[in-house]
mmCIF file of all heavy atoms, coordinates in Angstrom:
data_MODEL
# 
_entry.id   MODEL 
# 
loop_
_atom_site.group_PDB 
_atom_site.id 
_atom_site.type_symbol 
_atom_site.label_atom_id 
_atom_site.label_alt_id 
_atom_site.label_comp_id 
_atom_site.label_asym_id 
_atom_site.label_entity_id 
_atom_site.label_seq_id 
_atom_site.pdbx_PDB_ins_code 
_atom_site.Cartn_x 
_atom_site.Cartn_y 
_atom_site.Cartn_z 
_atom_site.occupancy 
_atom_site.B_iso_or_equiv 
_atom_site.pdbx_formal_charge 
_atom_site.auth_seq_id 
_atom_site.auth_comp_id 
_atom_site.auth_asym_id 
_atom_site.auth_atom_id 
_atom_site.pdbx_PDB_model_num 
ATOM 1   N N   . VAL A 1 1  ? -64.816 -79.624 57.550 1.00 0.00 ? 1  VAL A N   1 
ATOM 2   C CA  . VAL A 1 1  ? -64.172 -80.618 56.809 1.00 0.00 ? 1  VAL A CA  1 
ATOM 3   C C   . VAL A 1 1  ? -62.878 -81.125 57.365 1.00 0.00 ? 1  VAL A C   1 
ATOM 4   O O   . VAL A 1 1  ? -62.498 -82.326 57.330 1.00 0.00 ? 1  VAL A O   1 
ATOM 5   C CB  . VAL A 1 1  ? -63.898 -80.082 55.346 1.00 0.00 ? 1  VAL A CB  1 
ATOM 6   C CG1 . VAL A 1 1  ? -63.142 -81.072 54.471 1.00 0.00 ? 1  VAL A CG1 1 
ATOM 7   C CG2 . VAL A 1 1  ? -65.273 -79.642 54.767 1.00 0.00 ? 1  VAL A CG2 1 
ATOM 8   N N   . SER A 1 2  ? -62.126 -80.254 57.993 1.00 0.00 ? 2  SER A N   1 
ATOM 9   C CA  . SER A 1 2  ? -60.828 -80.602 58.511 1.00 0.00 ? 2  SER A CA  1 
ATOM 10  C C   . SER A 1 2  ? -61.012 -81.509 59.637 1.00 0.00 ? 2  SER A C   1 
ATOM 11  O O   . SER A 1 2  ? -60.202 -82.440 59.983 1.00 0.00 ? 2  SER A O   1 
ATOM 12  C CB  . SER A 1 2  ? -59.980 -79.459 58.931 1.00 0.00 ? 2  SER A CB  1 
ATOM 13  O OG  . SER A 1 2  ? -60.621 -78.698 59.911 1.00 0.00 ? 2  SER A OG  1 
ATOM 14  N N   . TYR A 1 3  ? -62.088 -81.429 60.408 1.00 0.00 ? 3  TYR A N   1 
ATOM 15  C CA  . TYR A 1 3  ? -62.443 -82.346 61.560 1.00 0.00 ? 3  TYR A CA  1 
ATOM 16  C C   . TYR A 1 3  ? -62.726 -83.705 60.999 1.00 0.00 ? 3  TYR A C   1 
ATOM 17  O O   . TYR A 1 3  ? -62.385 -84.726 61.558 1.00 0.00 ? 3  TYR A O   1 
ATOM 18  C CB  . TYR A 1 3  ? -63.510 -81.844 62.486 1.00 0.00 ? 3  TYR A CB  1 
ATOM 19  C CG  . TYR A 1 3  ? -63.740 -82.520 63.755 1.00 0.00 ? 3  TYR A CG  1 
ATOM 20  C CD1 . TYR A 1 3  ? -62.626 -82.731 64.537 1.00 0.00 ? 3  TYR A CD1 1 
ATOM 21  C CD2 . TYR A 1 3  ? -64.971 -83.017 64.154 1.00 0.00 ? 3  TYR A CD2 1 
ATOM 22  C CE1 . TYR A 1 3  ? -62.838 -83.450 65.790 1.00 0.00 ? 3  TYR A CE1 1 
ATOM 23  C CE2 . TYR A 1 3  ? -65.168 -83.722 65.275 1.00 0.00 ? 3  TYR A CE2 1 
ATOM 24  C CZ  . TYR A 1 3  ? -64.120 -83.901 66.086 1.00 0.00 ? 3  TYR A CZ  1 
ATOM 25  O OH  . TYR A 1 3  ? -64.234 -84.610 67.230 1.00 0.00 ? 3  TYR A OH  1 
ATOM 26  N N   . VAL A 1 4  ? -63.573 -83.780 59.913 1.00 0.00 ? 4  VAL A N   1 
ATOM 27  C CA  . VAL A 1 4  ? -63.880 -85.019 59.203 1.00 0.00 ? 4  VAL A CA  1 
ATOM 28  C C   . VAL A 1 4  ? -62.611 -85.820 58.812 1.00 0.00 ? 4  VAL A C   1 
ATOM 29  O O   . VAL A 1 4  ? -62.406 -86.953 59.075 1.00 0.00 ? 4  VAL A O   1 
ATOM 30  C CB  . VAL A 1 4  ? -64.810 -84.807 58.133 1.00 0.00 ? 4  VAL A CB  1 
ATOM 31  C CG1 . VAL A 1 4  ? -64.949 -86.104 57.307 1.00 0.00 ? 4  VAL A CG1 1 
ATOM 32  C CG2 . VAL A 1 4  ? -66.245 -84.309 58.541 1.00 0.00 ? 4  VAL A CG2 1 
ATOM 33  N N   . SER A 1 5  ? -61.712 -84.936 58.159 1.00 0.00 ? 5  SER A N   1 
ATOM 34  C CA  . SER A 1 5  ? -60.513 -85.549 57.797 1.00 0.00 ? 5  SER A CA  1 
ATOM 35  C C   . SER A 1 5  ? -59.615 -86.140 59.043 1.00 0.00 ? 5  SER A C   1 
ATOM 36  O O   . SER A 1 5  ? -58.999 -87.233 58.938 1.00 0.00 ? 5  SER A O   1 
ATOM 37  C CB  . SER A 1 5  ? -59.714 -84.361 57.027 1.00 0.00 ? 5  SER A CB  1 
ATOM 38  O OG  . SER A 1 5  ? -58.431 -84.867 56.589 1.00 0.00 ? 5  SER A OG  1 
ATOM 39  N N   . MET A 1 6  ? -59.579 -85.349 60.012 1.00 0.00 ? 6  MET A N   1 
ATOM 40  C CA  . MET A 1 6  ? -58.905 -85.872 61.258 1.00 0.00 ? 6  MET A CA  1 
ATOM 41  C C   . MET A 1 6  ? -59.443 -87.070 61.849 1.00 0.00 ? 6  MET A C   1 
ATOM 42  O O   . MET A 1 6  ? -58.698 -88.064 62.140 1.00 0.00 ? 6  MET A O   1 
ATOM 43  C CB  . MET A 1 6  ? -58.729 -84.804 62.338 1.00 0.00 ? 6  MET A CB  1 
ATOM 44  C CG  . MET A 1 6  ? -57.818 -83.677 61.820 1.00 0.00 ? 6  MET A CG  1 
ATOM 45  S SD  . MET A 1 6  ? -57.531 -82.401 63.230 1.00 0.00 ? 6  MET A SD  1 
ATOM 46  C CE  . MET A 1 6  ? -58.982 -81.415 63.108 1.00 0.00 ? 6  MET A CE  1 
ATOM 47  N N   . LEU A 1 7  ? -60.779 -87.159 61.812 1.00 0.00 ? 7  LEU A N   1 
ATOM 48  C CA  . LEU A 1 7  ? -61.478 -88.294 62.285 1.00 0.00 ? 7  LEU A CA  1 
ATOM 49  C C   . LEU A 1 7  ? -61.255 -89.552 61.456 1.00 0.00 ? 7  LEU A C   1 
ATOM 50  O O   . LEU A 1 7  ? -60.962 -90.639 61.950 1.00 0.00 ? 7  LEU A O   1 
ATOM 51  C CB  . LEU A 1 7  ? -63.007 -88.194 62.436 1.00 0.00 ? 7  LEU A CB  1 
ATOM 52  C CG  . LEU A 1 7  ? -63.488 -87.115 63.478 1.00 0.00 ? 7  LEU A CG  1 
ATOM 53  C CD1 . LEU A 1 7  ? -64.975 -86.806 63.186 1.00 0.00 ? 7  LEU A CD1 1 
ATOM 54  C CD2 . LEU A 1 7  ? -63.232 -87.652 64.788 1.00 0.00 ? 7  LEU A CD2 1 
ATOM 55  N N   . GLU A 1 8  ? -61.217 -89.343 60.148 1.00 0.00 ? 8  GLU A N   1 
ATOM 56  C CA  . GLU A 1 8  ? -60.940 -90.415 59.223 1.00 0.00 ? 8  GLU A CA  1 
ATOM 57  C C   . GLU A 1 8  ? -59.573 -90.880 59.155 1.00 0.00 ? 8  GLU A C   1 
ATOM 58  O O   . GLU A 1 8  ? -59.293 -92.049 58.943 1.00 0.00 ? 8  GLU A O   1 
ATOM 59  C CB  . GLU A 1 8  ? -61.344 -90.111 57.761 1.00 0.00 ? 8  GLU A CB  1 
ATOM 60  C CG  . GLU A 1 8  ? -62.864 -90.013 57.560 1.00 0.00 ? 8  GLU A CG  1 
ATOM 61  C CD  . GLU A 1 8  ? -63.284 -89.776 56.073 1.00 0.00 ? 8  GLU A CD  1 
ATOM 62  O OE1 . GLU A 1 8  ? -62.295 -89.662 55.243 1.00 0.00 ? 8  GLU A OE1 1 
ATOM 63  O OE2 . GLU A 1 8  ? -64.434 -89.843 55.888 1.00 0.00 ? 8  GLU A OE2 1 
ATOM 64  N N   . ARG A 1 9  ? -58.611 -90.082 59.661 1.00 0.00 ? 9  ARG A N   1 
ATOM 65  C CA  . ARG A 1 9  ? -57.264 -90.471 59.845 1.00 0.00 ? 9  ARG A CA  1 
ATOM 66  C C   . ARG A 1 9  ? -56.957 -91.026 61.269 1.00 0.00 ? 9  ARG A C   1 
ATOM 67  O O   . ARG A 1 9  ? -55.780 -91.359 61.522 1.00 0.00 ? 9  ARG A O   1 
ATOM 68  C CB  . ARG A 1 9  ? -56.233 -89.404 59.622 1.00 0.00 ? 9  ARG A CB  1 
ATOM 69  C CG  . ARG A 1 9  ? -56.266 -89.056 57.989 1.00 0.00 ? 9  ARG A CG  1 
ATOM 70  C CD  . ARG A 1 9  ? -55.321 -87.923 57.689 1.00 0.00 ? 9  ARG A CD  1 
ATOM 71  N NE  . ARG A 1 9  ? -56.098 -86.674 57.855 1.00 0.00 ? 9  ARG A NE  1 
ATOM 72  C CZ  . ARG A 1 9  ? -55.540 -85.568 58.388 1.00 0.00 ? 9  ARG A CZ  1 
ATOM 73  N NH1 . ARG A 1 9  ? -54.233 -85.590 58.780 1.00 0.00 ? 9  ARG A NH1 1 
ATOM 74  N NH2 . ARG A 1 9  ? -56.266 -84.480 58.512 1.00 0.00 ? 9  ARG A NH2 1 
ATOM 75  N N   . GLY A 1 10 ? -57.965 -91.001 62.183 1.00 0.00 ? 10 GLY A N   1 
ATOM 76  C CA  . GLY A 1 10 ? -57.685 -91.488 63.424 1.00 0.00 ? 10 GLY A CA  1 
ATOM 77  C C   . GLY A 1 10 ? -56.945 -90.461 64.331 1.00 0.00 ? 10 GLY A C   1 
ATOM 78  O O   . GLY A 1 10 ? -56.315 -90.884 65.326 1.00 0.00 ? 10 GLY A O   1 
ATOM 79  N N   . GLN A 1 11 ? -56.931 -89.255 63.927 1.00 0.00 ? 11 GLN A N   1 
ATOM 80  C CA  . GLN A 1 11 ? -56.246 -88.252 64.638 1.00 0.00 ? 11 GLN A CA  1 
ATOM 81  C C   . GLN A 1 11 ? -56.934 -87.574 65.838 1.00 0.00 ? 11 GLN A C   1 
ATOM 82  O O   . GLN A 1 11 ? -56.372 -86.853 66.610 1.00 0.00 ? 11 GLN A O   1 
ATOM 83  C CB  . GLN A 1 11 ? -55.579 -87.190 63.837 1.00 0.00 ? 11 GLN A CB  1 
ATOM 84  C CG  . GLN A 1 11 ? -54.676 -87.676 62.818 1.00 0.00 ? 11 GLN A CG  1 
ATOM 85  C CD  . GLN A 1 11 ? -54.048 -86.669 61.926 1.00 0.00 ? 11 GLN A CD  1 
ATOM 86  O OE1 . GLN A 1 11 ? -54.722 -85.777 61.616 1.00 0.00 ? 11 GLN A OE1 1 
ATOM 87  N NE2 . GLN A 1 11 ? -52.751 -86.939 61.474 1.00 0.00 ? 11 GLN A NE2 1 
ATOM 88  N N   . ARG A 1 12 ? -58.249 -87.809 65.862 1.00 0.00 ? 12 ARG A N   1 
ATOM 89  C CA  . ARG A 1 12 ? -59.144 -87.205 66.896 1.00 0.00 ? 12 ARG A CA  1 
ATOM 90  C C   . ARG A 1 12 ? -60.196 -88.287 67.303 1.00 0.00 ? 12 ARG A C   1 
ATOM 91  O O   . ARG A 1 12 ? -60.562 -89.068 66.524 1.00 0.00 ? 12 ARG A O   1 
ATOM 92  C CB  . ARG A 1 12 ? -59.951 -86.009 66.336 1.00 0.00 ? 12 ARG A CB  1 
ATOM 93  C CG  . ARG A 1 12 ? -59.128 -84.736 65.973 1.00 0.00 ? 12 ARG A CG  1 
ATOM 94  C CD  . ARG A 1 12 ? -58.571 -84.139 67.302 1.00 0.00 ? 12 ARG A CD  1 
ATOM 95  N NE  . ARG A 1 12 ? -57.826 -82.894 67.102 1.00 0.00 ? 12 ARG A NE  1 
ATOM 96  C CZ  . ARG A 1 12 ? -56.556 -82.876 66.890 1.00 0.00 ? 12 ARG A CZ  1 
ATOM 97  N NH1 . ARG A 1 12 ? -55.817 -83.930 67.014 1.00 0.00 ? 12 ARG A NH1 1 
ATOM 98  N NH2 . ARG A 1 12 ? -55.951 -81.690 66.730 1.00 0.00 ? 12 ARG A NH2 1 
ATOM 99  N N   . SER A 1 13 ? -60.476 -88.141 68.613 1.00 0.00 ? 13 SER A N   1 
ATOM 100 C CA  . SER A 1 13 ? -61.479 -88.986 69.132 1.00 0.00 ? 13 SER A CA  1 
ATOM 101 C C   . SER A 1 13 ? -62.764 -88.211 69.363 1.00 0.00 ? 13 SER A C   1 
ATOM 102 O O   . SER A 1 13 ? -62.737 -87.279 70.220 1.00 0.00 ? 13 SER A O   1 
ATOM 103 C CB  . SER A 1 13 ? -60.907 -89.567 70.544 1.00 0.00 ? 13 SER A CB  1 
ATOM 104 O OG  . SER A 1 13 ? -61.853 -90.392 71.099 1.00 0.00 ? 13 SER A OG  1 
ATOM 105 N N   . PRO A 1 14 ? -63.751 -88.591 68.724 1.00 0.00 ? 14 PRO A N   1 
ATOM 106 C CA  . PRO A 1 14 ? -65.018 -87.769 68.708 1.00 0.00 ? 14 PRO A CA  1 
ATOM 107 C C   . PRO A 1 14 ? -65.884 -88.032 69.968 1.00 0.00 ? 14 PRO A C   1 
ATOM 108 O O   . PRO A 1 14 ? -65.856 -89.136 70.516 1.00 0.00 ? 14 PRO A O   1 
ATOM 109 C CB  . PRO A 1 14 ? -65.762 -88.176 67.551 1.00 0.00 ? 14 PRO A CB  1 
ATOM 110 C CG  . PRO A 1 14 ? -65.472 -89.654 67.341 1.00 0.00 ? 14 PRO A CG  1 
ATOM 111 C CD  . PRO A 1 14 ? -63.934 -89.670 67.671 1.00 0.00 ? 14 PRO A CD  1 
ATOM 112 N N   . PRO A 1 15 ? -66.574 -86.971 70.413 1.00 0.00 ? 15 PRO A N   1 
ATOM 113 C CA  . PRO A 1 15 ? -67.534 -87.222 71.535 1.00 0.00 ? 15 PRO A CA  1 
ATOM 114 C C   . PRO A 1 15 ? -68.738 -88.034 71.036 1.00 0.00 ? 15 PRO A C   1 
ATOM 115 O O   . PRO A 1 15 ? -68.941 -88.076 69.846 1.00 0.00 ? 15 PRO A O   1 
ATOM 116 C CB  . PRO A 1 15 ? -67.974 -85.780 71.912 1.00 0.00 ? 15 PRO A CB  1 
ATOM 117 C CG  . PRO A 1 15 ? -67.723 -84.910 70.706 1.00 0.00 ? 15 PRO A CG  1 
ATOM 118 C CD  . PRO A 1 15 ? -66.515 -85.568 70.006 1.00 0.00 ? 15 PRO A CD  1 
ATOM 119 N N   . LEU A 1 16 ? -69.469 -88.659 71.941 1.00 0.00 ? 16 LEU A N   1 
ATOM 120 C CA  . LEU A 1 16 ? -70.532 -89.468 71.641 1.00 0.00 ? 16 LEU A CA  1 
ATOM 121 C C   . LEU A 1 16 ? -71.609 -88.814 70.781 1.00 0.00 ? 16 LEU A C   1 
ATOM 122 O O   . LEU A 1 16 ? -72.169 -89.387 69.867 1.00 0.00 ? 16 LEU A O   1 
ATOM 123 C CB  . LEU A 1 16 ? -71.222 -90.091 72.890 1.00 0.00 ? 16 LEU A CB  1 
ATOM 124 C CG  . LEU A 1 16 ? -70.411 -90.955 73.691 1.00 0.00 ? 16 LEU A CG  1 
ATOM 125 C CD1 . LEU A 1 16 ? -71.088 -91.369 75.058 1.00 0.00 ? 16 LEU A CD1 1 
ATOM 126 C CD2 . LEU A 1 16 ? -70.141 -92.269 72.867 1.00 0.00 ? 16 LEU A CD2 1 
ATOM 127 N N   . GLU A 1 17 ? -71.807 -87.531 71.043 1.00 0.00 ? 17 GLU A N   1 
ATOM 128 C CA  . GLU A 1 17 ? -72.838 -86.800 70.278 1.00 0.00 ? 17 GLU A CA  1 
ATOM 129 C C   . GLU A 1 17 ? -72.449 -86.697 68.808 1.00 0.00 ? 17 GLU A C   1 
ATOM 130 O O   . GLU A 1 17 ? -73.287 -86.815 67.808 1.00 0.00 ? 17 GLU A O   1 
ATOM 131 C CB  . GLU A 1 17 ? -72.937 -85.309 70.781 1.00 0.00 ? 17 GLU A CB  1 
ATOM 132 C CG  . GLU A 1 17 ? -73.550 -85.224 72.113 1.00 0.00 ? 17 GLU A CG  1 
ATOM 133 C CD  . GLU A 1 17 ? -72.529 -85.533 73.205 1.00 0.00 ? 17 GLU A CD  1 
ATOM 134 O OE1 . GLU A 1 17 ? -71.345 -85.477 72.983 1.00 0.00 ? 17 GLU A OE1 1 
ATOM 135 O OE2 . GLU A 1 17 ? -72.915 -85.681 74.416 1.00 0.00 ? 17 GLU A OE2 1 
ATOM 136 N N   . THR A 1 18 ? -71.011 -86.614 68.437 1.00 0.00 ? 18 THR A N   1 
ATOM 137 C CA  . THR A 1 18 ? -70.696 -86.600 67.114 1.00 0.00 ? 18 THR A CA  1 
ATOM 138 C C   . THR A 1 18 ? -70.798 -87.930 66.482 1.00 0.00 ? 18 THR A C   1 
ATOM 139 O O   . THR A 1 18 ? -71.114 -88.083 65.254 1.00 0.00 ? 18 THR A O   1 
ATOM 140 C CB  . THR A 1 18 ? -69.179 -86.021 66.980 1.00 0.00 ? 18 THR A CB  1 
ATOM 141 O OG1 . THR A 1 18 ? -69.129 -84.682 67.606 1.00 0.00 ? 18 THR A OG1 1 
ATOM 142 C CG2 . THR A 1 18 ? -68.692 -86.026 65.645 1.00 0.00 ? 18 THR A CG2 1 
ATOM 143 N N   . ILE A 1 19 ? -70.422 -88.955 67.212 1.00 0.00 ? 19 ILE A N   1 
ATOM 144 C CA  . ILE A 1 19 ? -70.706 -90.304 66.714 1.00 0.00 ? 19 ILE A CA  1 
ATOM 145 C C   . ILE A 1 19 ? -72.043 -90.636 66.301 1.00 0.00 ? 19 ILE A C   1 
ATOM 146 O O   . ILE A 1 19 ? -72.339 -91.095 65.264 1.00 0.00 ? 19 ILE A O   1 
ATOM 147 C CB  . ILE A 1 19 ? -70.223 -91.318 67.764 1.00 0.00 ? 19 ILE A CB  1 
ATOM 148 C CG1 . ILE A 1 19 ? -68.610 -91.281 67.919 1.00 0.00 ? 19 ILE A CG1 1 
ATOM 149 C CG2 . ILE A 1 19 ? -70.522 -92.786 67.243 1.00 0.00 ? 19 ILE A CG2 1 
ATOM 150 C CD1 . ILE A 1 19 ? -68.091 -92.108 69.095 1.00 0.00 ? 19 ILE A CD1 1 
ATOM 151 N N   . GLU A 1 20 ? -72.978 -90.106 67.131 1.00 0.00 ? 20 GLU A N   1 
ATOM 152 C CA  . GLU A 1 20 ? -74.419 -90.313 66.911 1.00 0.00 ? 20 GLU A CA  1 
ATOM 153 C C   . GLU A 1 20 ? -74.909 -89.516 65.573 1.00 0.00 ? 20 GLU A C   1 
ATOM 154 O O   . GLU A 1 20 ? -75.578 -90.071 64.800 1.00 0.00 ? 20 GLU A O   1 
ATOM 155 C CB  . GLU A 1 20 ? -75.192 -89.808 68.132 1.00 0.00 ? 20 GLU A CB  1 
ATOM 156 C CG  . GLU A 1 20 ? -76.634 -90.169 68.139 1.00 0.00 ? 20 GLU A CG  1 
ATOM 157 C CD  . GLU A 1 20 ? -77.249 -89.921 69.554 1.00 0.00 ? 20 GLU A CD  1 
ATOM 158 O OE1 . GLU A 1 20 ? -77.241 -88.716 69.987 1.00 0.00 ? 20 GLU A OE1 1 
ATOM 159 O OE2 . GLU A 1 20 ? -77.758 -90.840 70.196 1.00 0.00 ? 20 GLU A OE2 1 
ATOM 160 N N   . LYS A 1 21 ? -74.444 -88.323 65.519 1.00 0.00 ? 21 LYS A N   1 
ATOM 161 C CA  . LYS A 1 21 ? -74.795 -87.468 64.343 1.00 0.00 ? 21 LYS A CA  1 
ATOM 162 C C   . LYS A 1 21 ? -74.148 -87.966 63.086 1.00 0.00 ? 21 LYS A C   1 
ATOM 163 O O   . LYS A 1 21 ? -74.815 -88.042 62.011 1.00 0.00 ? 21 LYS A O   1 
ATOM 164 C CB  . LYS A 1 21 ? -74.290 -86.030 64.582 1.00 0.00 ? 21 LYS A CB  1 
ATOM 165 C CG  . LYS A 1 21 ? -75.084 -85.230 65.496 1.00 0.00 ? 21 LYS A CG  1 
ATOM 166 C CD  . LYS A 1 21 ? -74.483 -83.882 65.709 1.00 0.00 ? 21 LYS A CD  1 
ATOM 167 C CE  . LYS A 1 21 ? -75.151 -83.040 66.772 1.00 0.00 ? 21 LYS A CE  1 
ATOM 168 N NZ  . LYS A 1 21 ? -74.591 -81.744 67.006 1.00 0.00 ? 21 LYS A NZ  1 
ATOM 169 N N   . MET A 1 22 ? -72.946 -88.561 63.122 1.00 0.00 ? 22 MET A N   1 
ATOM 170 C CA  . MET A 1 22 ? -72.259 -89.152 61.917 1.00 0.00 ? 22 MET A CA  1 
ATOM 171 C C   . MET A 1 22 ? -73.117 -90.448 61.551 1.00 0.00 ? 22 MET A C   1 
ATOM 172 O O   . MET A 1 22 ? -73.249 -90.625 60.359 1.00 0.00 ? 22 MET A O   1 
ATOM 173 C CB  . MET A 1 22 ? -70.912 -89.505 62.226 1.00 0.00 ? 22 MET A CB  1 
ATOM 174 C CG  . MET A 1 22 ? -70.060 -88.283 62.365 1.00 0.00 ? 22 MET A CG  1 
ATOM 175 S SD  . MET A 1 22 ? -68.266 -88.552 62.429 1.00 0.00 ? 22 MET A SD  1 
ATOM 176 C CE  . MET A 1 22 ? -67.899 -88.377 60.670 1.00 0.00 ? 22 MET A CE  1 
ATOM 177 N N   . ALA A 1 23 ? -73.443 -91.160 62.542 1.00 0.00 ? 23 ALA A N   1 
ATOM 178 C CA  . ALA A 1 23 ? -74.224 -92.447 62.139 1.00 0.00 ? 23 ALA A CA  1 
ATOM 179 C C   . ALA A 1 23 ? -75.484 -92.062 61.494 1.00 0.00 ? 23 ALA A C   1 
ATOM 180 O O   . ALA A 1 23 ? -75.850 -92.680 60.464 1.00 0.00 ? 23 ALA A O   1 
ATOM 181 C CB  . ALA A 1 23 ? -74.419 -93.230 63.543 1.00 0.00 ? 23 ALA A CB  1 
ATOM 182 N N   . LYS A 1 24 ? -76.225 -91.127 62.025 1.00 0.00 ? 24 LYS A N   1 
ATOM 183 C CA  . LYS A 1 24 ? -77.613 -90.703 61.413 1.00 0.00 ? 24 LYS A CA  1 
ATOM 184 C C   . LYS A 1 24 ? -77.313 -90.195 60.031 1.00 0.00 ? 24 LYS A C   1 
ATOM 185 O O   . LYS A 1 24 ? -78.039 -90.510 59.091 1.00 0.00 ? 24 LYS A O   1 
ATOM 186 C CB  . LYS A 1 24 ? -78.171 -89.619 62.253 1.00 0.00 ? 24 LYS A CB  1 
ATOM 187 C CG  . LYS A 1 24 ? -79.470 -89.173 61.835 1.00 0.00 ? 24 LYS A CG  1 
ATOM 188 C CD  . LYS A 1 24 ? -80.176 -88.217 62.777 1.00 0.00 ? 24 LYS A CD  1 
ATOM 189 C CE  . LYS A 1 24 ? -81.617 -87.887 62.281 1.00 0.00 ? 24 LYS A CE  1 
ATOM 190 N NZ  . LYS A 1 24 ? -82.260 -86.958 63.160 1.00 0.00 ? 24 LYS A NZ  1 
ATOM 191 N N   . ALA A 1 25 ? -76.207 -89.455 59.804 1.00 0.00 ? 25 ALA A N   1 
ATOM 192 C CA  . ALA A 1 25 ? -76.019 -88.855 58.494 1.00 0.00 ? 25 ALA A CA  1 
ATOM 193 C C   . ALA A 1 25 ? -75.638 -89.934 57.555 1.00 0.00 ? 25 ALA A C   1 
ATOM 194 O O   . ALA A 1 25 ? -75.848 -89.879 56.326 1.00 0.00 ? 25 ALA A O   1 
ATOM 195 C CB  . ALA A 1 25 ? -74.811 -87.858 58.542 1.00 0.00 ? 25 ALA A CB  1 
ATOM 196 N N   . LEU A 1 26 ? -74.996 -91.029 58.024 1.00 0.00 ? 26 LEU A N   1 
ATOM 197 C CA  . LEU A 1 26 ? -74.597 -92.153 57.129 1.00 0.00 ? 26 LEU A CA  1 
ATOM 198 C C   . LEU A 1 26 ? -75.705 -93.225 57.049 1.00 0.00 ? 26 LEU A C   1 
ATOM 199 O O   . LEU A 1 26 ? -75.547 -94.211 56.244 1.00 0.00 ? 26 LEU A O   1 
ATOM 200 C CB  . LEU A 1 26 ? -73.274 -92.714 57.623 1.00 0.00 ? 26 LEU A CB  1 
ATOM 201 C CG  . LEU A 1 26 ? -72.061 -91.828 57.562 1.00 0.00 ? 26 LEU A CG  1 
ATOM 202 C CD1 . LEU A 1 26 ? -70.897 -92.367 58.395 1.00 0.00 ? 26 LEU A CD1 1 
ATOM 203 C CD2 . LEU A 1 26 ? -71.604 -91.681 56.052 1.00 0.00 ? 26 LEU A CD2 1 
ATOM 204 N N   . GLY A 1 27 ? -76.761 -93.023 57.858 1.00 0.00 ? 27 GLY A N   1 
ATOM 205 C CA  . GLY A 1 27 ? -77.826 -94.006 57.764 1.00 0.00 ? 27 GLY A CA  1 
ATOM 206 C C   . GLY A 1 27 ? -77.482 -95.322 58.408 1.00 0.00 ? 27 GLY A C   1 
ATOM 207 O O   . GLY A 1 27 ? -78.009 -96.347 57.886 1.00 0.00 ? 27 GLY A O   1 
ATOM 208 N N   . VAL A 1 28 ? -76.739 -95.432 59.397 1.00 0.00 ? 28 VAL A N   1 
ATOM 209 C CA  . VAL A 1 28 ? -76.383 -96.587 60.155 1.00 0.00 ? 28 VAL A CA  1 
ATOM 210 C C   . VAL A 1 28 ? -76.551 -96.462 61.620 1.00 0.00 ? 28 VAL A C   1 
ATOM 211 O O   . VAL A 1 28 ? -76.532 -95.397 62.152 1.00 0.00 ? 28 VAL A O   1 
ATOM 212 C CB  . VAL A 1 28 ? -74.885 -97.063 59.801 1.00 0.00 ? 28 VAL A CB  1 
ATOM 213 C CG1 . VAL A 1 28 ? -74.791 -97.273 58.288 1.00 0.00 ? 28 VAL A CG1 1 
ATOM 214 C CG2 . VAL A 1 28 ? -73.936 -96.046 60.210 1.00 0.00 ? 28 VAL A CG2 1 
# 
């Protein structure tokens, strides 16, 4: 949850794999 929070605040740059997983979870 803390990583999601940091991503949403622009405090961390996610790897491509995480971007892909987030997109799938969000259906986009």
